[in-house]
Amino acid sequence: MGEAFGVFQPYQKIDVDIATHIHVYDDGPERSLLCVETADRPGLIVDLVKTITDINIDVESGEFDTEGLLAKAKFHVNYKGKALIKPLQQVLANSLRYFLRRPTTEDASF
C-alpha cells in the first residue's frame, strides 16, 4: 500500500533509500525516550517492540507515525524501572541498527 502512487500500483518495486536514525534521550529518572526513523514496512512496529524487549528493556508507551515511506516511532522505555544508562542506550541503538539493516528475503525468491 505504501508503494502505490496514484490509481495503479507501480510495475517494478520502487527503490527508495531512506536513512535510519536512532536516538535515545533521558526523559526523567525513571524512563528514557527512544526515537526511531526508518523506512516503513509491514510489521515494523511489532518487530521494533520485539527487538527492544528481547534485550530486557520494558516499553511503557509508544507513538507511531508515517510520512509517505518514512516511519517515525517514539517509545518510552526503562530498564527495571529506571532510565537507561549510556552503555545500555548504546546496546539498544546497536541492536536496532543491526535489525533494521538486515536484508529481507522476498517470498518469491524461494
PDB file of N, CA and C in Angstrom:
ATOM      1  N   MET A   1       0.820  -1.179   0.000  1.00  0.00           N
ATOM      2  CA  MET A   1       0.000   0.000   0.000  1.00  0.00           C
ATOM      3  C   MET A   1       0.866   1.246   0.000  1.00  0.00           C
ATOM      4  N   GLY A   2       1.968   1.271   0.771  1.00  0.00           N
ATOM      5  CA  GLY A   2       2.817   2.448   0.850  1.00  0.00           C
ATOM      6  C   GLY A   2       3.538   2.746  -0.445  1.00  0.00           C
ATOM      7  N   GLU A   3       3.644   1.743  -1.341  1.00  0.00           N
ATOM      8  CA  GLU A   3       4.345   1.954  -2.598  1.00  0.00           C
ATOM      9  C   GLU A   3       3.421   2.398  -3.712  1.00  0.00           C
ATOM     10  N   ALA A   4       2.128   2.341  -3.490  1.00  0.00           N
ATOM     11  CA  ALA A   4       1.174   2.683  -4.541  1.00  0.00           C
ATOM     12  C   ALA A   4       1.039   4.190  -4.640  1.00  0.00           C
ATOM     13  N   PHE A   5       1.362   4.714  -5.789  1.00  0.00           N
ATOM     14  CA  PHE A   5       1.210   6.138  -6.054  1.00  0.00           C
ATOM     15  C   PHE A   5       0.186   6.284  -7.160  1.00  0.00           C
ATOM     16  N   GLY A   6      -0.949   6.882  -6.837  1.00  0.00           N
ATOM     17  CA  GLY A   6      -1.984   7.031  -7.837  1.00  0.00           C
ATOM     18  C   GLY A   6      -2.921   5.838  -7.828  1.00  0.00           C
ATOM     19  N   VAL A   7      -3.600   5.645  -8.938  1.00  0.00           N
ATOM     20  CA  VAL A   7      -4.615   4.610  -9.034  1.00  0.00           C
ATOM     21  C   VAL A   7      -4.001   3.231  -9.211  1.00  0.00           C
ATOM     22  N   PHE A   8      -2.914   3.137  -9.978  1.00  0.00           N
ATOM     23  CA  PHE A   8      -2.314   1.846 -10.271  1.00  0.00           C
ATOM     24  C   PHE A   8      -0.992   1.672  -9.532  1.00  0.00           C
ATOM     25  N   GLN A   9      -0.748   0.450  -9.108  1.00  0.00           N
ATOM     26  CA  GLN A   9       0.495   0.111  -8.434  1.00  0.00           C
ATOM     27  C   GLN A   9       1.643   0.124  -9.445  1.00  0.00           C
ATOM     28  N   PRO A  10       2.854   0.553  -9.066  1.00  0.00           N
ATOM     29  CA  PRO A  10       3.983   0.541 -10.000  1.00  0.00           C
ATOM     30  C   PRO A  10       4.306  -0.874 -10.474  1.00  0.00           C
ATOM     31  N   TYR A  11       4.820  -0.988 -11.701  1.00  0.00           N
ATOM     32  CA  TYR A  11       5.172  -2.297 -12.251  1.00  0.00           C
ATOM     33  C   TYR A  11       6.396  -2.887 -11.571  1.00  0.00           C
ATOM     34  N   GLN A  12       7.348  -2.034 -11.206  1.00  0.00           N
ATOM     35  CA  GLN A  12       8.553  -2.505 -10.548  1.00  0.00           C
ATOM     36  C   GLN A  12       8.599  -1.952  -9.132  1.00  0.00           C
ATOM     37  N   LYS A  13       9.288  -2.677  -8.260  1.00  0.00           N
ATOM     38  CA  LYS A  13       9.443  -2.229  -6.885  1.00  0.00           C
ATOM     39  C   LYS A  13      10.242  -0.927  -6.878  1.00  0.00           C
ATOM     40  N   ILE A  14       9.751   0.043  -6.135  1.00  0.00           N
ATOM     41  CA  ILE A  14      10.389   1.347  -6.082  1.00  0.00           C
ATOM     42  C   ILE A  14      11.633   1.260  -5.215  1.00  0.00           C
ATOM     43  N   ASP A  15      12.747   1.770  -5.707  1.00  0.00           N
ATOM     44  CA  ASP A  15      14.000   1.760  -4.970  1.00  0.00           C
ATOM     45  C   ASP A  15      14.103   3.057  -4.172  1.00  0.00           C
ATOM     46  N   VAL A  16      13.857   2.942  -2.880  1.00  0.00           N
ATOM     47  CA  VAL A  16      13.886   4.105  -2.012  1.00  0.00           C
ATOM     48  C   VAL A  16      14.952   3.863  -0.953  1.00  0.00           C
ATOM     49  N   ASP A  17      15.858   4.796  -0.812  1.00  0.00           N
ATOM     50  CA  ASP A  17      16.911   4.687   0.187  1.00  0.00           C
ATOM     51  C   ASP A  17      16.629   5.718   1.275  1.00  0.00           C
ATOM     52  N   ILE A  18      16.055   5.256   2.379  1.00  0.00           N
ATOM     53  CA  ILE A  18      15.723   6.122   3.500  1.00  0.00           C
ATOM     54  C   ILE A  18      16.703   5.817   4.622  1.00  0.00           C
ATOM     55  N   ALA A  19      17.390   6.842   5.085  1.00  0.00           N
ATOM     56  CA  ALA A  19      18.366   6.663   6.155  1.00  0.00           C
ATOM     57  C   ALA A  19      17.650   6.341   7.466  1.00  0.00           C
ATOM     58  N   THR A  20      18.267   5.493   8.260  1.00  0.00           N
ATOM     59  CA  THR A  20      17.734   5.134   9.565  1.00  0.00           C
ATOM     60  C   THR A  20      18.405   5.982  10.627  1.00  0.00           C
ATOM     61  N   HIS A  21      17.592   6.585  11.490  1.00  0.00           N
ATOM     62  CA  HIS A  21      18.100   7.398  12.602  1.00  0.00           C
ATOM     63  C   HIS A  21      17.545   6.833  13.903  1.00  0.00           C
ATOM     64  N   ILE A  22      18.442   6.612  14.871  1.00  0.00           N
ATOM     65  CA  ILE A  22      18.049   6.092  16.177  1.00  0.00           C
ATOM     66  C   ILE A  22      18.692   6.973  17.243  1.00  0.00           C
ATOM     67  N   HIS A  23      17.858   7.506  18.138  1.00  0.00           N
ATOM     68  CA  HIS A  23      18.356   8.362  19.224  1.00  0.00           C
ATOM     69  C   HIS A  23      17.680   7.945  20.522  1.00  0.00           C
ATOM     70  N   VAL A  24      18.440   7.989  21.614  1.00  0.00           N
ATOM     71  CA  VAL A  24      17.902   7.707  22.939  1.00  0.00           C
ATOM     72  C   VAL A  24      18.205   8.910  23.827  1.00  0.00           C
ATOM     73  N   TYR A  25      17.161   9.435  24.461  1.00  0.00           N
ATOM     74  CA  TYR A  25      17.301  10.606  25.323  1.00  0.00           C
ATOM     75  C   TYR A  25      16.807  10.267  26.718  1.00  0.00           C
ATOM     76  N   ASP A  26      17.400  10.911  27.730  1.00  0.00           N
ATOM     77  CA  ASP A  26      16.890  10.782  29.089  1.00  0.00           C
ATOM     78  C   ASP A  26      15.585  11.560  29.185  1.00  0.00           C
ATOM     79  N   ASP A  27      14.594  10.970  29.823  1.00  0.00           N
ATOM     80  CA  ASP A  27      13.290  11.608  29.983  1.00  0.00           C
ATOM     81  C   ASP A  27      12.862  11.476  31.437  1.00  0.00           C
ATOM     82  N   GLY A  28      13.726  11.918  32.320  1.00  0.00           N
ATOM     83  CA  GLY A  28      13.474  11.804  33.750  1.00  0.00           C
ATOM     84  C   GLY A  28      14.255  10.649  34.353  1.00  0.00           C
ATOM     85  N   PRO A  29      14.159  10.485  35.666  1.00  0.00           N
ATOM     86  CA  PRO A  29      14.949   9.433  36.337  1.00  0.00           C
ATOM     87  C   PRO A  29      14.404   8.025  36.133  1.00  0.00           C
ATOM     88  N   GLU A  30      13.155   7.914  35.664  1.00  0.00           N
ATOM     89  CA  GLU A  30      12.544   6.596  35.590  1.00  0.00           C
ATOM     90  C   GLU A  30      12.306   6.074  34.182  1.00  0.00           C
ATOM     91  N   ARG A  31      12.643   6.863  33.166  1.00  0.00           N
ATOM     92  CA  ARG A  31      12.443   6.375  31.800  1.00  0.00           C
ATOM     93  C   ARG A  31      13.296   7.155  30.813  1.00  0.00           C
ATOM     94  N   SER A  32      13.430   6.569  29.634  1.00  0.00           N
ATOM     95  CA  SER A  32      14.167   7.186  28.532  1.00  0.00           C
ATOM     96  C   SER A  32      13.243   7.257  27.323  1.00  0.00           C
ATOM     97  N   LEU A  33      13.574   8.145  26.398  1.00  0.00           N
ATOM     98  CA  LEU A  33      12.789   8.300  25.176  1.00  0.00           C
ATOM     99  C   LEU A  33      13.616   7.779  24.005  1.00  0.00           C
ATOM    100  N   LEU A  34      13.086   6.779  23.320  1.00  0.00           N
ATOM    101  CA  LEU A  34      13.727   6.186  22.144  1.00  0.00           C
ATOM    102  C   LEU A  34      13.017   6.704  20.899  1.00  0.00           C
ATOM    103  N   CYS A  35      13.774   7.298  19.980  1.00  0.00           N
ATOM    104  CA  CYS A  35      13.218   7.807  18.722  1.00  0.00           C
ATOM    105  C   CYS A  35      13.854   7.054  17.564  1.00  0.00           C
ATOM    106  N   VAL A  36      13.017   6.507  16.689  1.00  0.00           N
ATOM    107  CA  VAL A  36      13.486   5.732  15.538  1.00  0.00           C
ATOM    108  C   VAL A  36      12.820   6.277  14.283  1.00  0.00           C
ATOM    109  N   GLU A  37      13.621   6.573  13.269  1.00  0.00           N
ATOM    110  CA  GLU A  37      13.109   6.939  11.945  1.00  0.00           C
ATOM    111  C   GLU A  37      13.742   5.990  10.937  1.00  0.00           C
ATOM    112  N   THR A  38      12.903   5.325  10.149  1.00  0.00           N
ATOM    113  CA  THR A  38      13.399   4.347   9.185  1.00  0.00           C
ATOM    114  C   THR A  38      12.363   4.156   8.081  1.00  0.00           C
ATOM    115  N   ALA A  39      12.703   3.351   7.105  1.00  0.00           N
ATOM    116  CA  ALA A  39      11.775   3.053   6.015  1.00  0.00           C
ATOM    117  C   ALA A  39      10.606   2.224   6.557  1.00  0.00           C
ATOM    118  N   ASP A  40       9.400   2.590   6.164  1.00  0.00           N
ATOM    119  CA  ASP A  40       8.209   1.885   6.617  1.00  0.00           C
ATOM    120  C   ASP A  40       8.066   0.556   5.877  1.00  0.00           C
ATOM    121  N   ARG A  41       7.526  -0.422   6.581  1.00  0.00           N
ATOM    122  CA  ARG A  41       7.233  -1.732   6.002  1.00  0.00           C
ATOM    123  C   ARG A  41       6.209  -2.417   6.880  1.00  0.00           C
ATOM    124  N   PRO A  42       5.517  -3.413   6.359  1.00  0.00           N
ATOM    125  CA  PRO A  42       4.528  -4.125   7.171  1.00  0.00           C
ATOM    126  C   PRO A  42       5.179  -4.829   8.361  1.00  0.00           C
ATOM    127  N   GLY A  43       4.553  -4.724   9.518  1.00  0.00           N
ATOM    128  CA  GLY A  43       5.052  -5.407  10.710  1.00  0.00           C
ATOM    129  C   GLY A  43       6.198  -4.720  11.418  1.00  0.00           C
ATOM    130  N   LEU A  44       6.523  -3.500  11.021  1.00  0.00           N
ATOM    131  CA  LEU A  44       7.688  -2.813  11.587  1.00  0.00           C
ATOM    132  C   LEU A  44       7.542  -2.578  13.084  1.00  0.00           C
ATOM    133  N   ILE A  45       6.401  -2.076  13.527  1.00  0.00           N
ATOM    134  CA  ILE A  45       6.254  -1.742  14.943  1.00  0.00           C
ATOM    135  C   ILE A  45       6.342  -2.983  15.824  1.00  0.00           C
ATOM    136  N   VAL A  46       5.784  -4.087  15.382  1.00  0.00           N
ATOM    137  CA  VAL A  46       5.867  -5.335  16.144  1.00  0.00           C
ATOM    138  C   VAL A  46       7.321  -5.787  16.232  1.00  0.00           C
ATOM    139  N   ASP A  47       8.048  -5.706  15.132  1.00  0.00           N
ATOM    140  CA  ASP A  47       9.454  -6.115  15.122  1.00  0.00           C
ATOM    141  C   ASP A  47      10.311  -5.205  15.997  1.00  0.00           C
ATOM    142  N   LEU A  48      10.014  -3.901  16.014  1.00  0.00           N
ATOM    143  CA  LEU A  48      10.759  -2.987  16.872  1.00  0.00           C
ATOM    144  C   LEU A  48      10.548  -3.328  18.345  1.00  0.00           C
ATOM    145  N   VAL A  49       9.293  -3.516  18.740  1.00  0.00           N
ATOM    146  CA  VAL A  49       8.996  -3.833  20.138  1.00  0.00           C
ATOM    147  C   VAL A  49       9.606  -5.182  20.523  1.00  0.00           C
ATOM    148  N   LYS A  50       9.571  -6.155  19.631  1.00  0.00           N
ATOM    149  CA  LYS A  50      10.172  -7.461  19.920  1.00  0.00           C
ATOM    150  C   LYS A  50      11.678  -7.331  20.121  1.00  0.00           C
ATOM    151  N   THR A  51      12.336  -6.550  19.290  1.00  0.00           N
ATOM    152  CA  THR A  51      13.779  -6.352  19.423  1.00  0.00           C
ATOM    153  C   THR A  51      14.112  -5.654  20.741  1.00  0.00           C
ATOM    154  N   ILE A  52      13.318  -4.662  21.106  1.00  0.00           N
ATOM    155  CA  ILE A  52      13.550  -3.932  22.358  1.00  0.00           C
ATOM    156  C   ILE A  52      13.365  -4.866  23.551  1.00  0.00           C
ATOM    157  N   THR A  53      12.291  -5.623  23.564  1.00  0.00           N
ATOM    158  CA  THR A  53      12.020  -6.495  24.709  1.00  0.00           C
ATOM    159  C   THR A  53      12.950  -7.708  24.752  1.00  0.00           C
ATOM    160  N   ASP A  54      13.524  -8.094  23.619  1.00  0.00           N
ATOM    161  CA  ASP A  54      14.484  -9.209  23.602  1.00  0.00           C
ATOM    162  C   ASP A  54      15.734  -8.899  24.414  1.00  0.00           C
ATOM    163  N   ILE A  55      16.055  -7.625  24.598  1.00  0.00           N
ATOM    164  CA  ILE A  55      17.227  -7.261  25.409  1.00  0.00           C
ATOM    165  C   ILE A  55      16.791  -6.759  26.786  1.00  0.00           C
ATOM    166  N   ASN A  56      15.604  -7.221  27.220  1.00  0.00           N
ATOM    167  CA  ASN A  56      15.077  -6.978  28.569  1.00  0.00           C
ATOM    168  C   ASN A  56      14.821  -5.512  28.896  1.00  0.00           C
ATOM    169  N   ILE A  57      14.479  -4.733  27.899  1.00  0.00           N
ATOM    170  CA  ILE A  57      14.081  -3.347  28.118  1.00  0.00           C
ATOM    171  C   ILE A  57      12.565  -3.292  28.010  1.00  0.00           C
ATOM    172  N   ASP A  58      11.943  -2.646  28.973  1.00  0.00           N
ATOM    173  CA  ASP A  58      10.482  -2.545  29.008  1.00  0.00           C
ATOM    174  C   ASP A  58      10.008  -1.343  28.207  1.00  0.00           C
ATOM    175  N   VAL A  59       8.926  -1.531  27.472  1.00  0.00           N
ATOM    176  CA  VAL A  59       8.297  -0.445  26.715  1.00  0.00           C
ATOM    177  C   VAL A  59       7.079   0.009  27.502  1.00  0.00           C
ATOM    178  N   GLU A  60       7.100   1.266  27.973  1.00  0.00           N
ATOM    179  CA  GLU A  60       5.970   1.821  28.724  1.00  0.00           C
ATOM    180  C   GLU A  60       4.862   2.279  27.788  1.00  0.00           C
ATOM    181  N   SER A  61       5.251   3.011  26.746  1.00  0.00           N
ATOM    182  CA  SER A  61       4.267   3.540  25.796  1.00  0.00           C
ATOM    183  C   SER A  61       4.972   3.816  24.485  1.00  0.00           C
ATOM    184  N   GLY A  62       4.182   4.041  23.453  1.00  0.00           N
ATOM    185  CA  GLY A  62       4.760   4.313  22.150  1.00  0.00           C
ATOM    186  C   GLY A  62       3.844   5.149  21.295  1.00  0.00           C
ATOM    187  N   GLU A  63       4.458   5.819  20.345  1.00  0.00           N
ATOM    188  CA  GLU A  63       3.735   6.634  19.369  1.00  0.00           C
ATOM    189  C   GLU A  63       4.339   6.328  18.010  1.00  0.00           C
ATOM    190  N   PHE A  64       3.484   6.092  17.023  1.00  0.00           N
ATOM    191  CA  PHE A  64       3.963   5.685  15.711  1.00  0.00           C
ATOM    192  C   PHE A  64       3.291   6.542  14.655  1.00  0.00           C
ATOM    193  N   ASP A  65       4.080   7.006  13.686  1.00  0.00           N
ATOM    194  CA  ASP A  65       3.549   7.864  12.630  1.00  0.00           C
ATOM    195  C   ASP A  65       4.283   7.548  11.341  1.00  0.00           C
ATOM    196  N   THR A  66       3.611   7.722  10.224  1.00  0.00           N
ATOM    197  CA  THR A  66       4.268   7.551   8.930  1.00  0.00           C
ATOM    198  C   THR A  66       4.059   8.799   8.091  1.00  0.00           C
ATOM    199  N   GLU A  67       5.076   9.105   7.315  1.00  0.00           N
ATOM    200  CA  GLU A  67       5.033  10.204   6.350  1.00  0.00           C
ATOM    201  C   GLU A  67       5.509   9.633   5.023  1.00  0.00           C
ATOM    202  N   GLY A  68       4.577   9.213   4.191  1.00  0.00           N
ATOM    203  CA  GLY A  68       4.945   8.555   2.942  1.00  0.00           C
ATOM    204  C   GLY A  68       5.583   7.212   3.250  1.00  0.00           C
ATOM    205  N   LEU A  69       6.830   7.036   2.842  1.00  0.00           N
ATOM    206  CA  LEU A  69       7.542   5.779   3.085  1.00  0.00           C
ATOM    207  C   LEU A  69       8.430   5.835   4.327  1.00  0.00           C
ATOM    208  N   LEU A  70       8.349   6.937   5.086  1.00  0.00           N
ATOM    209  CA  LEU A  70       9.148   7.115   6.293  1.00  0.00           C
ATOM    210  C   LEU A  70       8.307   6.815   7.525  1.00  0.00           C
ATOM    211  N   ALA A  71       8.815   5.948   8.383  1.00  0.00           N
ATOM    212  CA  ALA A  71       8.142   5.612   9.641  1.00  0.00           C
ATOM    213  C   ALA A  71       8.885   6.299  10.781  1.00  0.00           C
ATOM    214  N   LYS A  72       8.116   6.902  11.687  1.00  0.00           N
ATOM    215  CA  LYS A  72       8.685   7.555  12.867  1.00  0.00           C
ATOM    216  C   LYS A  72       8.050   6.938  14.099  1.00  0.00           C
ATOM    217  N   ALA A  73       8.885   6.423  14.992  1.00  0.00           N
ATOM    218  CA  ALA A  73       8.395   5.780  16.215  1.00  0.00           C
ATOM    219  C   ALA A  73       9.074   6.406  17.419  1.00  0.00           C
ATOM    220  N   LYS A  74       8.284   6.634  18.462  1.00  0.00           N
ATOM    221  CA  LYS A  74       8.815   7.113  19.744  1.00  0.00           C
ATOM    222  C   LYS A  74       8.311   6.177  20.820  1.00  0.00           C
ATOM    223  N   PHE A  75       9.225   5.729  21.662  1.00  0.00           N
ATOM    224  CA  PHE A  75       8.882   4.812  22.741  1.00  0.00           C
ATOM    225  C   PHE A  75       9.440   5.345  24.054  1.00  0.00           C
ATOM    226  N   HIS A  76       8.645   5.270  25.115  1.00  0.00           N
ATOM    227  CA  HIS A  76       9.165   5.497  26.459  1.00  0.00           C
ATOM    228  C   HIS A  76       9.583   4.129  26.980  1.00  0.00           C
ATOM    229  N   VAL A  77      10.854   4.003  27.309  1.00  0.00           N
ATOM    230  CA  VAL A  77      11.411   2.718  27.719  1.00  0.00           C
ATOM    231  C   VAL A  77      12.112   2.863  29.068  1.00  0.00           C
ATOM    232  N   ASN A  78      12.265   1.720  29.760  1.00  0.00           N
ATOM    233  CA  ASN A  78      13.031   1.712  31.010  1.00  0.00           C
ATOM    234  C   ASN A  78      13.643   0.336  31.206  1.00  0.00           C
ATOM    235  N   TYR A  79      14.608   0.282  32.112  1.00  0.00           N
ATOM    236  CA  TYR A  79      15.222  -0.979  32.482  1.00  0.00           C
ATOM    237  C   TYR A  79      15.070  -1.123  33.992  1.00  0.00           C
ATOM    238  N   LYS A  80      14.231  -2.052  34.407  1.00  0.00           N
ATOM    239  CA  LYS A  80      13.943  -2.295  35.821  1.00  0.00           C
ATOM    240  C   LYS A  80      13.465  -1.022  36.518  1.00  0.00           C
ATOM    241  N   GLY A  81      12.618  -0.255  35.833  1.00  0.00           N
ATOM    242  CA  GLY A  81      12.017   0.922  36.434  1.00  0.00           C
ATOM    243  C   GLY A  81      12.891   2.161  36.444  1.00  0.00           C
ATOM    244  N   LYS A  82      14.047   2.109  35.820  1.00  0.00           N
ATOM    245  CA  LYS A  82      14.971   3.251  35.793  1.00  0.00           C
ATOM    246  C   LYS A  82      15.276   3.623  34.349  1.00  0.00           C
ATOM    247  N   ALA A  83      15.722   4.856  34.148  1.00  0.00           N
ATOM    248  CA  ALA A  83      16.146   5.305  32.819  1.00  0.00           C
ATOM    249  C   ALA A  83      17.353   4.486  32.375  1.00  0.00           C
ATOM    250  N   LEU A  84      17.540   4.374  31.075  1.00  0.00           N
ATOM    251  CA  LEU A  84      18.654   3.598  30.533  1.00  0.00           C
ATOM    252  C   LEU A  84      19.967   4.341  30.749  1.00  0.00           C
ATOM    253  N   ILE A  85      20.978   3.624  31.247  1.00  0.00           N
ATOM    254  CA  ILE A  85      22.304   4.222  31.364  1.00  0.00           C
ATOM    255  C   ILE A  85      22.946   4.242  29.976  1.00  0.00           C
ATOM    256  N   LYS A  86      23.994   5.042  29.820  1.00  0.00           N
ATOM    257  CA  LYS A  86      24.606   5.245  28.495  1.00  0.00           C
ATOM    258  C   LYS A  86      25.030   3.938  27.810  1.00  0.00           C
ATOM    259  N   PRO A  87      25.701   3.003  28.506  1.00  0.00           N
ATOM    260  CA  PRO A  87      26.064   1.747  27.818  1.00  0.00           C
ATOM    261  C   PRO A  87      24.855   0.958  27.319  1.00  0.00           C
ATOM    262  N   LEU A  88      23.755   0.946  28.091  1.00  0.00           N
ATOM    263  CA  LEU A  88      22.557   0.240  27.665  1.00  0.00           C
ATOM    264  C   LEU A  88      21.870   0.965  26.512  1.00  0.00           C
ATOM    265  N   GLN A  89      21.960   2.297  26.496  1.00  0.00           N
ATOM    266  CA  GLN A  89      21.442   3.063  25.356  1.00  0.00           C
ATOM    267  C   GLN A  89      22.176   2.661  24.081  1.00  0.00           C
ATOM    268  N   GLN A  90      23.498   2.470  24.194  1.00  0.00           N
ATOM    269  CA  GLN A  90      24.308   2.077  23.035  1.00  0.00           C
ATOM    270  C   GLN A  90      23.955   0.664  22.576  1.00  0.00           C
ATOM    271  N   VAL A  91      23.743  -0.255  23.524  1.00  0.00           N
ATOM    272  CA  VAL A  91      23.338  -1.625  23.175  1.00  0.00           C
ATOM    273  C   VAL A  91      22.006  -1.606  22.437  1.00  0.00           C
ATOM    274  N   LEU A  92      21.059  -0.814  22.937  1.00  0.00           N
ATOM    275  CA  LEU A  92      19.747  -0.715  22.303  1.00  0.00           C
ATOM    276  C   LEU A  92      19.863  -0.151  20.892  1.00  0.00           C
ATOM    277  N   ALA A  93      20.596   0.941  20.733  1.00  0.00           N
ATOM    278  CA  ALA A  93      20.760   1.548  19.406  1.00  0.00           C
ATOM    279  C   ALA A  93      21.450   0.594  18.436  1.00  0.00           C
ATOM    280  N   ASN A  94      22.494  -0.093  18.898  1.00  0.00           N
ATOM    281  CA  ASN A  94      23.208  -1.041  18.032  1.00  0.00           C
ATOM    282  C   ASN A  94      22.320  -2.216  17.632  1.00  0.00           C
ATOM    283  N   SER A  95      21.525  -2.723  18.571  1.00  0.00           N
ATOM    284  CA  SER A  95      20.623  -3.843  18.264  1.00  0.00           C
ATOM    285  C   SER A  95      19.592  -3.438  17.222  1.00  0.00           C
ATOM    286  N   LEU A  96      19.024  -2.248  17.370  1.00  0.00           N
ATOM    287  CA  LEU A  96      18.030  -1.788  16.400  1.00  0.00           C
ATOM    288  C   LEU A  96      18.661  -1.511  15.041  1.00  0.00           C
ATOM    289  N   ARG A  97      19.862  -0.926  15.031  1.00  0.00           N
ATOM    290  CA  ARG A  97      20.546  -0.693  13.748  1.00  0.00           C
ATOM    291  C   ARG A  97      20.812  -2.009  13.021  1.00  0.00           C
ATOM    292  N   TYR A  98      21.281  -3.012  13.768  1.00  0.00           N
ATOM    293  CA  TYR A  98      21.538  -4.324  13.169  1.00  0.00           C
ATOM    294  C   TYR A  98      20.250  -4.909  12.607  1.00  0.00           C
ATOM    295  N   PHE A  99      19.184  -4.859  13.398  1.00  0.00           N
ATOM    296  CA  PHE A  99      17.912  -5.434  12.961  1.00  0.00           C
ATOM    297  C   PHE A  99      17.369  -4.710  11.731  1.00  0.00           C
ATOM    298  N   LEU A 100      17.443  -3.391  11.725  1.00  0.00           N
ATOM    299  CA  LEU A 100      16.870  -2.629  10.620  1.00  0.00           C
ATOM    300  C   LEU A 100      17.710  -2.702   9.346  1.00  0.00           C
ATOM    301  N   ARG A 101      18.978  -3.019   9.452  1.00  0.00           N
ATOM    302  CA  ARG A 101      19.835  -3.161   8.262  1.00  0.00           C
ATOM    303  C   ARG A 101      19.779  -4.558   7.677  1.00  0.00           C
ATOM    304  N   ARG A 102      19.269  -5.518   8.441  1.00  0.00           N
ATOM    305  CA  ARG A 102      19.223  -6.904   7.986  1.00  0.00           C
ATOM    306  C   ARG A 102      18.373  -6.983   6.727  1.00  0.00           C
ATOM    307  N   PRO A 103      18.898  -7.559   5.655  1.00  0.00           N
ATOM    308  CA  PRO A 103      18.109  -7.621   4.417  1.00  0.00           C
ATOM    309  C   PRO A 103      16.915  -8.559   4.567  1.00  0.00           C
ATOM    310  N   THR A 104      15.868  -8.206   3.877  1.00  0.00           N
ATOM    311  CA  THR A 104      14.676  -9.062   3.881  1.00  0.00           C
ATOM    312  C   THR A 104      14.683  -9.929   2.636  1.00  0.00           C
ATOM    313  N   THR A 105      14.135 -11.113   2.751  1.00  0.00           N
ATOM    314  CA  THR A 105      14.062 -12.045   1.639  1.00  0.00           C
ATOM    315  C   THR A 105      12.626 -12.092   1.136  1.00  0.00           C
ATOM    316  N   GLU A 106      12.459 -11.900  -0.135  1.00  0.00           N
ATOM    317  CA  GLU A 106      11.125 -11.954  -0.738  1.00  0.00           C
ATOM    318  C   GLU A 106      10.661 -13.400  -0.804  1.00  0.00           C
ATOM    319  N   ASP A 107       9.366 -13.631  -0.606  1.00  0.00           N
ATOM    320  CA  ASP A 107       8.816 -14.985  -0.678  1.00  0.00           C
ATOM    321  C   ASP A 107       9.000 -15.591  -2.061  1.00  0.00           C
ATOM    322  N   ALA A 108       8.990 -14.771  -3.099  1.00  0.00           N
ATOM    323  CA  ALA A 108       9.105 -15.258  -4.471  1.00  0.00           C
ATOM    324  C   ALA A 108      10.513 -15.795  -4.769  1.00  0.00           C
ATOM    325  N   SER A 109      11.498 -15.523  -3.896  1.00  0.00           N
ATOM    326  CA  SER A 109      12.856 -15.966  -4.185  1.00  0.00           C
ATOM    327  C   SER A 109      13.101 -17.414  -3.794  1.00  0.00           C
ATOM    328  N   PHE A 110      12.141 -18.050  -3.131  1.00  0.00           N
ATOM    329  CA  PHE A 110      12.319 -19.452  -2.734  1.00  0.00           C
ATOM    330  C   PHE A 110      11.921 -20.383  -3.828  1.00  0.00           C
TER     331      PHE A 110
END
